[in-house]
Amino acid sequence: MTAISPAMHHAAPTRDENQAPQTGVAPDAPVTGATRDAPPSRKALWAGRILSGLAVLFLAFDAAGKLFQPREVVEGTTSLGYQASVIFPLGVVQLVCLAFYLFPRTAVLGAVLWTGYLGGAIATHVRIGNPLLTHTLFPIYVAALLWGGLWLRDRRLRSILPLRDAK
């Protein structure tokens, strides 16, 4: 005989992220407008993968530069006012953020962590007076790729941050 914990007996059933949500609406009922709980279409899923992939490639390249520290990276980072001794730890922080972003269960946390990191990059560029469109706003472009790609790929994020129809 197997003992079942009372807590386990009343646990709510879990469902896979890709399963359709249990909305109580008949599967053949007409949809009036975009359903934010619906799984992403094939096109949205691939668009999300491409956007996320572009951001991940750039961020992985940047992290690798900080970990391997070629002369150009050291010069670039020190010209921003940072000590050379912080370059490697910044690369480790970037790898941790990237790891969180790449795993579906922690992708939203990874995007939040990246948003904080990229906010620091914006502050750095503002502090030293770099050009707005090419330097200061570049971290926002990367964050838009991260969040846009994740939003297109993840039904849960769309339910938290829905796009509303104009009325």
C-alpha atoms as a PDB file:
ATOM      1  CA  MET A   1       0.000   0.000   0.000  1.00  0.00           C
ATOM      2  CA  THR A   2       1.326   3.425  -0.968  1.00  0.00           C
ATOM      3  CA  ALA A   3       0.998   6.317   1.428  1.00  0.00           C
ATOM      4  CA  ILE A   4      -0.248   9.537  -0.163  1.00  0.00           C
ATOM      5  CA  SER A   5       0.353  12.811   1.574  1.00  0.00           C
ATOM      6  CA  PRO A   6      -2.849  14.804   2.187  1.00  0.00           C
ATOM      7  CA  ALA A   7      -1.188  17.781   0.538  1.00  0.00           C
ATOM      8  CA  MET A   8      -0.492  15.730  -2.563  1.00  0.00           C
ATOM      9  CA  HIS A   9      -4.061  14.454  -2.699  1.00  0.00           C
ATOM     10  CA  HIS A  10      -5.463  17.977  -3.073  1.00  0.00           C
ATOM     11  CA  ALA A  11      -2.717  19.393  -5.267  1.00  0.00           C
ATOM     12  CA  ALA A  12      -3.951  21.187  -8.364  1.00  0.00           C
ATOM     13  CA  PRO A  13      -3.164  19.442 -11.612  1.00  0.00           C
ATOM     14  CA  THR A  14      -0.335  20.952 -13.595  1.00  0.00           C
ATOM     15  CA  ARG A  15      -0.306  21.391 -17.325  1.00  0.00           C
ATOM     16  CA  ASP A  16       2.362  21.760 -19.906  1.00  0.00           C
ATOM     17  CA  GLU A  17       3.128  25.284 -21.083  1.00  0.00           C
ATOM     18  CA  ASN A  18       2.176  24.335 -24.621  1.00  0.00           C
ATOM     19  CA  GLN A  19      -1.212  22.855 -23.724  1.00  0.00           C
ATOM     20  CA  ALA A  20      -4.268  24.938 -24.380  1.00  0.00           C
ATOM     21  CA  PRO A  21      -5.599  26.611 -21.248  1.00  0.00           C
ATOM     22  CA  GLN A  22      -8.763  25.299 -19.634  1.00  0.00           C
ATOM     23  CA  THR A  23     -11.063  28.243 -20.292  1.00  0.00           C
ATOM     24  CA  GLY A  24     -14.444  26.549 -20.183  1.00  0.00           C
ATOM     25  CA  VAL A  25     -15.115  27.707 -23.762  1.00  0.00           C
ATOM     26  CA  ALA A  26     -15.984  25.106 -26.357  1.00  0.00           C
ATOM     27  CA  PRO A  27     -13.059  24.393 -28.703  1.00  0.00           C
ATOM     28  CA  ASP A  28     -15.168  25.221 -31.771  1.00  0.00           C
ATOM     29  CA  ALA A  29     -16.576  28.474 -30.347  1.00  0.00           C
ATOM     30  CA  PRO A  30     -15.868  31.536 -32.502  1.00  0.00           C
ATOM     31  CA  VAL A  31     -13.015  33.721 -31.305  1.00  0.00           C
ATOM     32  CA  THR A  32     -13.765  37.423 -31.159  1.00  0.00           C
ATOM     33  CA  GLY A  33     -10.382  39.106 -31.219  1.00  0.00           C
ATOM     34  CA  ALA A  34      -6.984  37.752 -30.287  1.00  0.00           C
ATOM     35  CA  THR A  35      -6.957  35.360 -27.365  1.00  0.00           C
ATOM     36  CA  ARG A  36      -4.002  36.127 -25.172  1.00  0.00           C
ATOM     37  CA  ASP A  37      -4.106  32.665 -23.580  1.00  0.00           C
ATOM     38  CA  ALA A  38      -3.881  30.862 -26.910  1.00  0.00           C
ATOM     39  CA  PRO A  39      -0.622  29.155 -27.812  1.00  0.00           C
ATOM     40  CA  PRO A  40       1.425  31.245 -30.241  1.00  0.00           C
ATOM     41  CA  SER A  41       0.878  30.687 -33.938  1.00  0.00           C
ATOM     42  CA  ARG A  42       3.675  29.045 -35.860  1.00  0.00           C
ATOM     43  CA  LYS A  43       4.667  32.409 -37.377  1.00  0.00           C
ATOM     44  CA  ALA A  44       4.654  34.158 -33.983  1.00  0.00           C
ATOM     45  CA  LEU A  45       6.678  31.344 -32.449  1.00  0.00           C
ATOM     46  CA  TRP A  46       9.343  31.583 -35.156  1.00  0.00           C
ATOM     47  CA  ALA A  47       9.371  35.383 -35.068  1.00  0.00           C
ATOM     48  CA  GLY A  48       9.888  35.159 -31.301  1.00  0.00           C
ATOM     49  CA  ARG A  49      12.688  32.655 -31.722  1.00  0.00           C
ATOM     50  CA  ILE A  50      14.411  34.892 -34.271  1.00  0.00           C
ATOM     51  CA  LEU A  51      14.106  38.033 -32.117  1.00  0.00           C
ATOM     52  CA  SER A  52      15.311  36.178 -29.036  1.00  0.00           C
ATOM     53  CA  GLY A  53      18.080  34.523 -31.026  1.00  0.00           C
ATOM     54  CA  LEU A  54      19.430  37.865 -32.251  1.00  0.00           C
ATOM     55  CA  ALA A  55      19.522  39.222 -28.705  1.00  0.00           C
ATOM     56  CA  VAL A  56      21.080  36.019 -27.343  1.00  0.00           C
ATOM     57  CA  LEU A  57      23.792  36.030 -30.021  1.00  0.00           C
ATOM     58  CA  PHE A  58      24.744  39.607 -29.240  1.00  0.00           C
ATOM     59  CA  LEU A  59      24.672  39.081 -25.462  1.00  0.00           C
ATOM     60  CA  ALA A  60      26.633  35.815 -25.669  1.00  0.00           C
ATOM     61  CA  PHE A  61      29.254  37.553 -27.823  1.00  0.00           C
ATOM     62  CA  ASP A  62      29.454  40.404 -25.302  1.00  0.00           C
ATOM     63  CA  ALA A  63      29.756  37.978 -22.363  1.00  0.00           C
ATOM     64  CA  ALA A  64      32.483  35.993 -24.147  1.00  0.00           C
ATOM     65  CA  GLY A  65      34.395  39.219 -24.746  1.00  0.00           C
ATOM     66  CA  LYS A  66      34.253  40.029 -21.063  1.00  0.00           C
ATOM     67  CA  LEU A  67      35.346  36.529 -20.075  1.00  0.00           C
ATOM     68  CA  PHE A  68      38.237  36.275 -22.558  1.00  0.00           C
ATOM     69  CA  GLN A  69      39.154  39.979 -22.306  1.00  0.00           C
ATOM     70  CA  PRO A  70      40.771  40.802 -25.634  1.00  0.00           C
ATOM     71  CA  ARG A  71      42.517  44.174 -25.700  1.00  0.00           C
ATOM     72  CA  GLU A  72      39.575  45.895 -27.466  1.00  0.00           C
ATOM     73  CA  VAL A  73      37.127  44.842 -24.761  1.00  0.00           C
ATOM     74  CA  VAL A  74      39.414  45.971 -21.951  1.00  0.00           C
ATOM     75  CA  GLU A  75      40.011  49.331 -23.642  1.00  0.00           C
ATOM     76  CA  GLY A  76      36.311  49.797 -24.397  1.00  0.00           C
ATOM     77  CA  THR A  77      35.215  48.974 -20.863  1.00  0.00           C
ATOM     78  CA  THR A  78      37.859  51.106 -19.173  1.00  0.00           C
ATOM     79  CA  SER A  79      36.972  54.023 -21.489  1.00  0.00           C
ATOM     80  CA  LEU A  80      33.477  53.829 -19.982  1.00  0.00           C
ATOM     81  CA  GLY A  81      34.974  54.456 -16.549  1.00  0.00           C
ATOM     82  CA  TYR A  82      35.138  50.894 -15.220  1.00  0.00           C
ATOM     83  CA  GLN A  83      38.196  49.249 -13.712  1.00  0.00           C
ATOM     84  CA  ALA A  84      39.674  46.350 -15.686  1.00  0.00           C
ATOM     85  CA  SER A  85      39.173  44.152 -12.604  1.00  0.00           C
ATOM     86  CA  VAL A  86      35.355  44.219 -13.009  1.00  0.00           C
ATOM     87  CA  ILE A  87      35.312  42.980 -16.598  1.00  0.00           C
ATOM     88  CA  PHE A  88      35.456  39.246 -15.827  1.00  0.00           C
ATOM     89  CA  PRO A  89      32.802  39.434 -13.056  1.00  0.00           C
ATOM     90  CA  LEU A  90      30.525  41.344 -15.449  1.00  0.00           C
ATOM     91  CA  GLY A  91      30.948  38.514 -17.955  1.00  0.00           C
ATOM     92  CA  VAL A  92      29.951  35.990 -15.281  1.00  0.00           C
ATOM     93  CA  VAL A  93      26.861  38.073 -14.432  1.00  0.00           C
ATOM     94  CA  GLN A  94      25.987  38.137 -18.125  1.00  0.00           C
ATOM     95  CA  LEU A  95      26.338  34.352 -18.407  1.00  0.00           C
ATOM     96  CA  VAL A  96      24.066  33.848 -15.398  1.00  0.00           C
ATOM     97  CA  CYS A  97      21.436  36.187 -16.876  1.00  0.00           C
ATOM     98  CA  LEU A  98      21.746  34.406 -20.214  1.00  0.00           C
ATOM     99  CA  ALA A  99      21.324  30.988 -18.602  1.00  0.00           C
ATOM    100  CA  PHE A 100      18.138  32.139 -16.872  1.00  0.00           C
ATOM    101  CA  TYR A 101      16.815  33.569 -20.146  1.00  0.00           C
ATOM    102  CA  LEU A 102      17.567  30.436 -22.164  1.00  0.00           C
ATOM    103  CA  PHE A 103      15.631  28.039 -19.908  1.00  0.00           C
ATOM    104  CA  PRO A 104      11.882  28.322 -20.587  1.00  0.00           C
ATOM    105  CA  ARG A 105      10.873  28.033 -16.920  1.00  0.00           C
ATOM    106  CA  THR A 106      13.131  30.932 -15.905  1.00  0.00           C
ATOM    107  CA  ALA A 107      13.063  32.973 -19.125  1.00  0.00           C
ATOM    108  CA  VAL A 108      10.954  35.778 -17.652  1.00  0.00           C
ATOM    109  CA  LEU A 109      13.307  36.048 -14.676  1.00  0.00           C
ATOM    110  CA  GLY A 110      16.216  36.143 -17.124  1.00  0.00           C
ATOM    111  CA  ALA A 111      14.541  38.960 -19.071  1.00  0.00           C
ATOM    112  CA  VAL A 112      14.015  40.901 -15.828  1.00  0.00           C
ATOM    113  CA  LEU A 113      17.673  40.406 -14.852  1.00  0.00           C
ATOM    114  CA  TRP A 114      18.810  41.495 -18.310  1.00  0.00           C
ATOM    115  CA  THR A 115      16.597  44.564 -18.066  1.00  0.00           C
ATOM    116  CA  GLY A 116      18.399  45.600 -14.883  1.00  0.00           C
ATOM    117  CA  TYR A 117      21.810  44.942 -16.401  1.00  0.00           C
ATOM    118  CA  LEU A 118      20.954  46.854 -19.563  1.00  0.00           C
ATOM    119  CA  GLY A 119      19.571  49.721 -17.487  1.00  0.00           C
ATOM    120  CA  GLY A 120      23.037  50.064 -15.967  1.00  0.00           C
ATOM    121  CA  ALA A 121      24.495  50.197 -19.463  1.00  0.00           C
ATOM    122  CA  ILE A 122      22.104  53.025 -20.346  1.00  0.00           C
ATOM    123  CA  ALA A 123      23.121  54.920 -17.200  1.00  0.00           C
ATOM    124  CA  THR A 124      26.785  54.493 -18.101  1.00  0.00           C
ATOM    125  CA  HIS A 125      26.280  55.919 -21.592  1.00  0.00           C
ATOM    126  CA  VAL A 126      24.222  58.824 -20.256  1.00  0.00           C
ATOM    127  CA  ARG A 127      26.887  59.581 -17.627  1.00  0.00           C
ATOM    128  CA  ILE A 128      29.709  59.874 -20.147  1.00  0.00           C
ATOM    129  CA  GLY A 129      27.600  61.661 -22.771  1.00  0.00           C
ATOM    130  CA  ASN A 130      27.623  59.101 -25.586  1.00  0.00           C
ATOM    131  CA  PRO A 131      25.364  59.677 -28.618  1.00  0.00           C
ATOM    132  CA  LEU A 132      21.705  58.941 -27.926  1.00  0.00           C
ATOM    133  CA  LEU A 133      20.588  56.759 -30.849  1.00  0.00           C
ATOM    134  CA  THR A 134      23.717  54.677 -31.375  1.00  0.00           C
ATOM    135  CA  HIS A 135      25.045  54.161 -27.851  1.00  0.00           C
ATOM    136  CA  THR A 136      22.639  55.256 -25.129  1.00  0.00           C
ATOM    137  CA  LEU A 137      19.522  53.618 -26.576  1.00  0.00           C
ATOM    138  CA  PHE A 138      21.257  50.481 -27.877  1.00  0.00           C
ATOM    139  CA  PRO A 139      20.564  48.556 -24.631  1.00  0.00           C
ATOM    140  CA  ILE A 140      16.878  49.384 -25.095  1.00  0.00           C
ATOM    141  CA  TYR A 141      16.998  47.883 -28.579  1.00  0.00           C
ATOM    142  CA  VAL A 142      18.498  44.701 -27.120  1.00  0.00           C
ATOM    143  CA  ALA A 143      15.900  44.625 -24.323  1.00  0.00           C
ATOM    144  CA  ALA A 144      13.130  45.060 -26.903  1.00  0.00           C
ATOM    145  CA  LEU A 145      14.454  42.012 -28.758  1.00  0.00           C
ATOM    146  CA  LEU A 146      14.603  40.010 -25.506  1.00  0.00           C
ATOM    147  CA  TRP A 147      11.119  40.941 -24.323  1.00  0.00           C
ATOM    148  CA  GLY A 148       9.508  40.957 -27.789  1.00  0.00           C
ATOM    149  CA  GLY A 149      10.859  37.522 -28.595  1.00  0.00           C
ATOM    150  CA  LEU A 150       9.785  36.167 -25.237  1.00  0.00           C
ATOM    151  CA  TRP A 151       6.322  37.738 -25.535  1.00  0.00           C
ATOM    152  CA  LEU A 152       5.809  36.106 -28.918  1.00  0.00           C
ATOM    153  CA  ARG A 153       6.983  32.701 -27.644  1.00  0.00           C
ATOM    154  CA  ASP A 154       5.426  32.527 -24.182  1.00  0.00           C
ATOM    155  CA  ARG A 155       1.679  32.336 -23.627  1.00  0.00           C
ATOM    156  CA  ARG A 156       2.091  33.027 -19.907  1.00  0.00           C
ATOM    157  CA  LEU A 157       3.823  36.333 -20.565  1.00  0.00           C
ATOM    158  CA  ARG A 158       1.100  37.370 -23.016  1.00  0.00           C
ATOM    159  CA  SER A 159      -1.494  36.744 -20.318  1.00  0.00           C
ATOM    160  CA  ILE A 160       0.411  39.007 -17.898  1.00  0.00           C
ATOM    161  CA  LEU A 161       1.257  41.701 -20.468  1.00  0.00           C
ATOM    162  CA  PRO A 162      -1.577  41.645 -23.001  1.00  0.00           C
ATOM    163  CA  LEU A 163      -1.794  43.995 -25.953  1.00  0.00           C
ATOM    164  CA  ARG A 164      -5.189  45.596 -25.846  1.00  0.00           C
ATOM    165  CA  ASP A 165      -7.440  46.288 -28.812  1.00  0.00           C
ATOM    166  CA  ALA A 166      -8.143  49.963 -29.523  1.00  0.00           C
ATOM    167  CA  LYS A 167     -11.750  50.832 -28.718  1.00  0.00           C
END
